[in-house]
Amino acid sequence: MTHRFLYILCGLLAIATPASPLQAEWKDPSPHVVKLVTVDTDVELEVLDWGGSGPALVLLAGGGDTAHVFDDLAPTLATRYRVVGVTRRGHPGSSAPATGYGVARLSEDVVRVIDAVGLKTPVVVGHSFAGEEMHVLGARYSTRIAGLVYVDAAFDRGDDADSEAFNAVARTLPAAPSPKAEDDDRRDAGCVQALQS
């Protein structure tokens, strides 16, 4: 009886297990439209369009990620904004040409996507490596964008090619505000309230 039970169990497992990993193909549940936008000769970028209305947002992923990294967040943003995500060249879904990976060229790719999808002065939101592209966008294309949001992002990780352009923009920025006594009082009150809760 034990052997019969094992044969039945093996048969059930064989039926329940896909014969090939291809049978369990991933389906993208995020409500976006996928577009391919030509940004250079023989170079197309995958652009995810979540729609929405209101001010435009362009989402740029960190290095190694595609615009699909925003699949969960973007639909929520699309309730208040027009949301588009860009997968940069060399990443899955976009072309992988032999050249064109300098920060200035990657930034130009973003501008070409903005033009191709008809966005007017979007806010560009970028994670990690996207900070590199965003500082060039701010320095060279400030009239084309409404703002930049750096999400755990930085600029100038050792590439000095655009340092002078960045420094020229940095000299025009106002000084950071100094903390005021009431800021400390509010912070202390908030900590006390949190501890009492």
C-alpha atoms as a PDB file:
ATOM      1  CA  MET A   1       0.000   0.000   0.000  1.00  0.00           C
ATOM      2  CA  THR A   2       2.892   2.364   0.689  1.00  0.00           C
ATOM      3  CA  HIS A   3       4.281   1.890  -2.831  1.00  0.00           C
ATOM      4  CA  ARG A   4       0.886   2.578  -4.343  1.00  0.00           C
ATOM      5  CA  PHE A   5       0.583   5.801  -2.311  1.00  0.00           C
ATOM      6  CA  LEU A   6       4.039   6.938  -3.508  1.00  0.00           C
ATOM      7  CA  TYR A   7       3.156   6.224  -7.167  1.00  0.00           C
ATOM      8  CA  ILE A   8      -0.042   8.261  -6.831  1.00  0.00           C
ATOM      9  CA  LEU A   9       1.808  11.099  -5.095  1.00  0.00           C
ATOM     10  CA  CYS A  10       4.513  11.155  -7.818  1.00  0.00           C
ATOM     11  CA  GLY A  11       1.829  11.175 -10.502  1.00  0.00           C
ATOM     12  CA  LEU A  12       0.037  14.117  -8.883  1.00  0.00           C
ATOM     13  CA  LEU A  13       3.281  16.063  -8.531  1.00  0.00           C
ATOM     14  CA  ALA A  14       4.135  15.424 -12.182  1.00  0.00           C
ATOM     15  CA  ILE A  15       0.752  16.767 -13.262  1.00  0.00           C
ATOM     16  CA  ALA A  16       0.941  19.822 -10.969  1.00  0.00           C
ATOM     17  CA  THR A  17       4.526  20.770 -11.903  1.00  0.00           C
ATOM     18  CA  PRO A  18       5.002  22.595 -15.212  1.00  0.00           C
ATOM     19  CA  ALA A  19       7.127  20.632 -17.671  1.00  0.00           C
ATOM     20  CA  SER A  20       9.013  23.794 -18.628  1.00  0.00           C
ATOM     21  CA  PRO A  21       9.761  27.117 -16.925  1.00  0.00           C
ATOM     22  CA  LEU A  22       8.286  28.801 -20.020  1.00  0.00           C
ATOM     23  CA  GLN A  23       4.816  27.674 -18.944  1.00  0.00           C
ATOM     24  CA  ALA A  24       5.036  29.917 -15.886  1.00  0.00           C
ATOM     25  CA  GLU A  25       5.665  33.082 -17.929  1.00  0.00           C
ATOM     26  CA  TRP A  26       5.558  36.356 -15.976  1.00  0.00           C
ATOM     27  CA  LYS A  27       2.666  38.676 -16.781  1.00  0.00           C
ATOM     28  CA  ASP A  28       3.020  42.373 -16.051  1.00  0.00           C
ATOM     29  CA  PRO A  29      -0.010  43.372 -13.966  1.00  0.00           C
ATOM     30  CA  SER A  30       0.748  47.111 -13.977  1.00  0.00           C
ATOM     31  CA  PRO A  31      -1.760  49.198 -15.985  1.00  0.00           C
ATOM     32  CA  HIS A  32       0.578  50.883 -18.432  1.00  0.00           C
ATOM     33  CA  VAL A  33       1.049  51.113 -22.168  1.00  0.00           C
ATOM     34  CA  VAL A  34       4.486  50.082 -23.475  1.00  0.00           C
ATOM     35  CA  LYS A  35       5.917  52.273 -26.228  1.00  0.00           C
ATOM     36  CA  LEU A  36       9.237  52.161 -28.044  1.00  0.00           C
ATOM     37  CA  VAL A  37      10.596  55.664 -28.614  1.00  0.00           C
ATOM     38  CA  THR A  38      13.412  56.280 -31.100  1.00  0.00           C
ATOM     39  CA  VAL A  39      16.042  58.504 -29.490  1.00  0.00           C
ATOM     40  CA  ASP A  40      18.993  58.003 -31.843  1.00  0.00           C
ATOM     41  CA  THR A  41      19.901  56.107 -35.016  1.00  0.00           C
ATOM     42  CA  ASP A  42      18.871  52.482 -34.398  1.00  0.00           C
ATOM     43  CA  VAL A  43      18.237  53.184 -30.691  1.00  0.00           C
ATOM     44  CA  GLU A  44      14.785  52.738 -29.153  1.00  0.00           C
ATOM     45  CA  LEU A  45      13.924  53.103 -25.493  1.00  0.00           C
ATOM     46  CA  GLU A  46      11.138  51.299 -23.707  1.00  0.00           C
ATOM     47  CA  VAL A  47       8.739  53.884 -22.298  1.00  0.00           C
ATOM     48  CA  LEU A  48       5.988  52.877 -19.887  1.00  0.00           C
ATOM     49  CA  ASP A  49       2.988  55.195 -19.915  1.00  0.00           C
ATOM     50  CA  TRP A  50       0.664  54.941 -16.904  1.00  0.00           C
ATOM     51  CA  GLY A  51      -1.483  57.816 -18.134  1.00  0.00           C
ATOM     52  CA  GLY A  52      -3.109  60.061 -15.585  1.00  0.00           C
ATOM     53  CA  SER A  53      -3.781  63.758 -15.652  1.00  0.00           C
ATOM     54  CA  GLY A  54      -2.228  66.728 -13.970  1.00  0.00           C
ATOM     55  CA  PRO A  55       1.413  67.780 -13.932  1.00  0.00           C
ATOM     56  CA  ALA A  56       3.742  65.405 -15.784  1.00  0.00           C
ATOM     57  CA  LEU A  57       6.237  63.124 -14.025  1.00  0.00           C
ATOM     58  CA  VAL A  58       9.070  61.275 -15.736  1.00  0.00           C
ATOM     59  CA  LEU A  59      10.403  58.360 -13.663  1.00  0.00           C
ATOM     60  CA  LEU A  60      14.035  57.285 -14.123  1.00  0.00           C
ATOM     61  CA  ALA A  61      15.227  54.035 -12.560  1.00  0.00           C
ATOM     62  CA  GLY A  62      18.603  53.395 -11.002  1.00  0.00           C
ATOM     63  CA  GLY A  63      21.396  51.620 -12.854  1.00  0.00           C
ATOM     64  CA  GLY A  64      20.541  48.017 -13.636  1.00  0.00           C
ATOM     65  CA  ASP A  65      16.793  48.588 -13.271  1.00  0.00           C
ATOM     66  CA  THR A  66      14.141  49.191 -15.894  1.00  0.00           C
ATOM     67  CA  ALA A  67      11.100  51.444 -15.687  1.00  0.00           C
ATOM     68  CA  HIS A  68       9.217  48.379 -14.431  1.00  0.00           C
ATOM     69  CA  VAL A  69      10.754  49.046 -11.021  1.00  0.00           C
ATOM     70  CA  PHE A  70       7.952  51.647 -10.721  1.00  0.00           C
ATOM     71  CA  ASP A  71       5.116  49.214 -11.630  1.00  0.00           C
ATOM     72  CA  ASP A  72       3.656  49.314  -8.105  1.00  0.00           C
ATOM     73  CA  LEU A  73       4.182  53.024  -7.354  1.00  0.00           C
ATOM     74  CA  ALA A  74       3.282  54.590 -10.705  1.00  0.00           C
ATOM     75  CA  PRO A  75      -0.466  53.716 -10.709  1.00  0.00           C
ATOM     76  CA  THR A  76      -0.835  55.551  -7.395  1.00  0.00           C
ATOM     77  CA  LEU A  77       1.007  58.571  -8.783  1.00  0.00           C
ATOM     78  CA  ALA A  78      -1.199  58.466 -11.898  1.00  0.00           C
ATOM     79  CA  THR A  79      -4.237  59.343  -9.775  1.00  0.00           C
ATOM     80  CA  ARG A  80      -2.805  62.891  -9.548  1.00  0.00           C
ATOM     81  CA  TYR A  81      -0.117  63.144 -12.234  1.00  0.00           C
ATOM     82  CA  ARG A  82       0.605  62.199 -15.847  1.00  0.00           C
ATOM     83  CA  VAL A  83       3.220  59.451 -15.342  1.00  0.00           C
ATOM     84  CA  VAL A  84       5.823  58.075 -17.764  1.00  0.00           C
ATOM     85  CA  GLY A  85       8.783  55.808 -16.983  1.00  0.00           C
ATOM     86  CA  VAL A  86      11.911  55.463 -19.130  1.00  0.00           C
ATOM     87  CA  THR A  87      14.150  52.394 -19.446  1.00  0.00           C
ATOM     88  CA  ARG A  88      17.577  53.699 -20.430  1.00  0.00           C
ATOM     89  CA  ARG A  89      19.635  52.218 -23.261  1.00  0.00           C
ATOM     90  CA  GLY A  90      21.470  49.008 -22.512  1.00  0.00           C
ATOM     91  CA  HIS A  91      18.723  47.722 -20.188  1.00  0.00           C
ATOM     92  CA  PRO A  92      16.134  45.018 -21.001  1.00  0.00           C
ATOM     93  CA  GLY A  93      13.341  46.357 -23.181  1.00  0.00           C
ATOM     94  CA  SER A  94      15.509  49.079 -24.732  1.00  0.00           C
ATOM     95  CA  SER A  95      18.186  48.930 -27.415  1.00  0.00           C
ATOM     96  CA  ALA A  96      21.736  48.081 -26.375  1.00  0.00           C
ATOM     97  CA  PRO A  97      23.989  49.907 -28.847  1.00  0.00           C
ATOM     98  CA  ALA A  98      27.781  49.744 -28.610  1.00  0.00           C
ATOM     99  CA  THR A  99      28.036  53.473 -27.753  1.00  0.00           C
ATOM    100  CA  GLY A 100      26.061  56.303 -26.204  1.00  0.00           C
ATOM    101  CA  TYR A 101      26.418  55.573 -22.492  1.00  0.00           C
ATOM    102  CA  GLY A 102      27.922  58.889 -21.391  1.00  0.00           C
ATOM    103  CA  VAL A 103      25.805  60.888 -18.978  1.00  0.00           C
ATOM    104  CA  ALA A 104      25.261  63.722 -21.476  1.00  0.00           C
ATOM    105  CA  ARG A 105      23.938  61.281 -24.115  1.00  0.00           C
ATOM    106  CA  LEU A 106      21.706  59.467 -21.598  1.00  0.00           C
ATOM    107  CA  SER A 107      20.264  62.834 -20.572  1.00  0.00           C
ATOM    108  CA  GLU A 108      19.612  63.730 -24.199  1.00  0.00           C
ATOM    109  CA  ASP A 109      17.733  60.426 -24.492  1.00  0.00           C
ATOM    110  CA  VAL A 110      15.413  61.571 -21.694  1.00  0.00           C
ATOM    111  CA  VAL A 111      14.779  64.900 -23.445  1.00  0.00           C
ATOM    112  CA  ARG A 112      13.937  63.066 -26.661  1.00  0.00           C
ATOM    113  CA  VAL A 113      11.453  60.859 -24.807  1.00  0.00           C
ATOM    114  CA  ILE A 114       9.866  63.958 -23.236  1.00  0.00           C
ATOM    115  CA  ASP A 115       9.430  65.430 -26.724  1.00  0.00           C
ATOM    116  CA  ALA A 116       8.204  62.194 -28.314  1.00  0.00           C
ATOM    117  CA  VAL A 117       5.445  61.609 -25.769  1.00  0.00           C
ATOM    118  CA  GLY A 118       4.445  65.283 -25.733  1.00  0.00           C
ATOM    119  CA  LEU A 119       5.192  66.216 -22.124  1.00  0.00           C
ATOM    120  CA  LYS A 120       5.422  69.893 -21.252  1.00  0.00           C
ATOM    121  CA  THR A 121       7.908  70.782 -18.501  1.00  0.00           C
ATOM    122  CA  PRO A 122       7.689  67.552 -16.466  1.00  0.00           C
ATOM    123  CA  VAL A 123       9.155  66.964 -13.038  1.00  0.00           C
ATOM    124  CA  VAL A 124      11.866  64.314 -13.394  1.00  0.00           C
ATOM    125  CA  VAL A 125      12.049  61.826 -10.515  1.00  0.00           C
ATOM    126  CA  GLY A 126      15.185  59.702 -10.461  1.00  0.00           C
ATOM    127  CA  HIS A 127      16.591  56.966  -8.285  1.00  0.00           C
ATOM    128  CA  SER A 128      20.279  56.257  -7.666  1.00  0.00           C
ATOM    129  CA  PHE A 129      22.283  56.479 -10.923  1.00  0.00           C
ATOM    130  CA  ALA A 130      19.546  58.667 -12.440  1.00  0.00           C
ATOM    131  CA  GLY A 131      20.994  61.513 -10.358  1.00  0.00           C
ATOM    132  CA  GLU A 132      23.812  61.634 -12.886  1.00  0.00           C
ATOM    133  CA  GLU A 133      21.345  62.233 -15.718  1.00  0.00           C
ATOM    134  CA  MET A 134      19.303  64.689 -13.667  1.00  0.00           C
ATOM    135  CA  HIS A 135      22.191  67.039 -12.923  1.00  0.00           C
ATOM    136  CA  VAL A 136      22.815  67.315 -16.680  1.00  0.00           C
ATOM    137  CA  LEU A 137      19.090  67.865 -17.286  1.00  0.00           C
ATOM    138  CA  GLY A 138      19.116  70.671 -14.709  1.00  0.00           C
ATOM    139  CA  ALA A 139      22.293  72.247 -16.082  1.00  0.00           C
ATOM    140  CA  ARG A 140      21.511  72.017 -19.790  1.00  0.00           C
ATOM    141  CA  TYR A 141      17.726  71.763 -20.067  1.00  0.00           C
ATOM    142  CA  SER A 142      16.392  73.763 -17.115  1.00  0.00           C
ATOM    143  CA  THR A 143      13.771  75.484 -19.292  1.00  0.00           C
ATOM    144  CA  ARG A 144      12.428  72.082 -20.416  1.00  0.00           C
ATOM    145  CA  ILE A 145      11.707  70.668 -16.941  1.00  0.00           C
ATOM    146  CA  ALA A 146       9.720  71.897 -13.954  1.00  0.00           C
ATOM    147  CA  GLY A 147      11.938  70.294 -11.336  1.00  0.00           C
ATOM    148  CA  LEU A 148      14.091  67.398 -10.235  1.00  0.00           C
ATOM    149  CA  VAL A 149      13.419  64.945  -7.405  1.00  0.00           C
ATOM    150  CA  TYR A 150      16.469  62.975  -6.288  1.00  0.00           C
ATOM    151  CA  VAL A 151      15.436  59.688  -4.631  1.00  0.00           C
ATOM    152  CA  ASP A 152      18.519  58.255  -2.939  1.00  0.00           C
ATOM    153  CA  ALA A 153      20.417  59.695  -5.889  1.00  0.00           C
ATOM    154  CA  ALA A 154      23.627  61.618  -6.299  1.00  0.00           C
ATOM    155  CA  PHE A 155      25.597  63.364  -8.985  1.00  0.00           C
ATOM    156  CA  ASP A 156      29.203  63.299 -10.133  1.00  0.00           C
ATOM    157  CA  ARG A 157      30.442  59.893  -9.069  1.00  0.00           C
ATOM    158  CA  GLY A 158      33.851  60.539 -10.550  1.00  0.00           C
ATOM    159  CA  ASP A 159      33.055  61.694 -14.095  1.00  0.00           C
ATOM    160  CA  ASP A 160      34.433  65.222 -14.402  1.00  0.00           C
ATOM    161  CA  ALA A 161      33.201  65.744 -17.973  1.00  0.00           C
ATOM    162  CA  ASP A 162      30.220  67.845 -16.858  1.00  0.00           C
ATOM    163  CA  SER A 163      31.648  69.404 -13.672  1.00  0.00           C
ATOM    164  CA  GLU A 164      31.879  72.938 -15.077  1.00  0.00           C
ATOM    165  CA  ALA A 165      28.243  72.871 -16.232  1.00  0.00           C
ATOM    166  CA  PHE A 166      27.152  71.681 -12.799  1.00  0.00           C
ATOM    167  CA  ASN A 167      29.338  74.233 -10.999  1.00  0.00           C
ATOM    168  CA  ALA A 168      27.887  77.042 -13.144  1.00  0.00           C
ATOM    169  CA  VAL A 169      24.368  76.077 -12.074  1.00  0.00           C
ATOM    170  CA  ALA A 170      25.405  75.506  -8.449  1.00  0.00           C
ATOM    171  CA  ARG A 171      26.771  79.091  -8.227  1.00  0.00           C
ATOM    172  CA  THR A 172      23.292  80.438  -9.048  1.00  0.00           C
ATOM    173  CA  LEU A 173      21.513  78.556  -6.251  1.00  0.00           C
ATOM    174  CA  PRO A 174      20.600  80.334  -3.003  1.00  0.00           C
ATOM    175  CA  ALA A 175      22.415  79.286   0.153  1.00  0.00           C
ATOM    176  CA  ALA A 176      20.806  76.563   2.252  1.00  0.00           C
ATOM    177  CA  PRO A 177      18.683  78.032   5.052  1.00  0.00           C
ATOM    178  CA  SER A 178      20.087  77.863   8.568  1.00  0.00           C
ATOM    179  CA  PRO A 179      18.052  76.030  11.196  1.00  0.00           C
ATOM    180  CA  LYS A 180      16.044  78.264  13.505  1.00  0.00           C
ATOM    181  CA  ALA A 181      15.392  77.785  17.220  1.00  0.00           C
ATOM    182  CA  GLU A 182      11.700  77.021  16.567  1.00  0.00           C
ATOM    183  CA  ASP A 183      12.738  74.165  14.256  1.00  0.00           C
ATOM    184  CA  ASP A 184      14.497  72.489  17.197  1.00  0.00           C
ATOM    185  CA  ASP A 185      11.481  73.151  19.442  1.00  0.00           C
ATOM    186  CA  ARG A 186       9.111  71.506  16.912  1.00  0.00           C
ATOM    187  CA  ARG A 187      11.421  68.533  16.502  1.00  0.00           C
ATOM    188  CA  ASP A 188      11.735  68.078  20.288  1.00  0.00           C
ATOM    189  CA  ALA A 189       7.960  68.367  20.735  1.00  0.00           C
ATOM    190  CA  GLY A 190       7.403  65.791  18.001  1.00  0.00           C
ATOM    191  CA  CYS A 191       9.821  63.357  19.678  1.00  0.00           C
ATOM    192  CA  VAL A 192       8.141  63.790  23.064  1.00  0.00           C
ATOM    193  CA  GLN A 193       4.698  63.265  21.496  1.00  0.00           C
ATOM    194  CA  ALA A 194       5.904  60.130  19.700  1.00  0.00           C
ATOM    195  CA  LEU A 195       7.363  58.723  22.923  1.00  0.00           C
ATOM    196  CA  GLN A 196       4.121  59.387  24.811  1.00  0.00           C
ATOM    197  CA  SER A 197       2.018  57.590  22.205  1.00  0.00           C
END
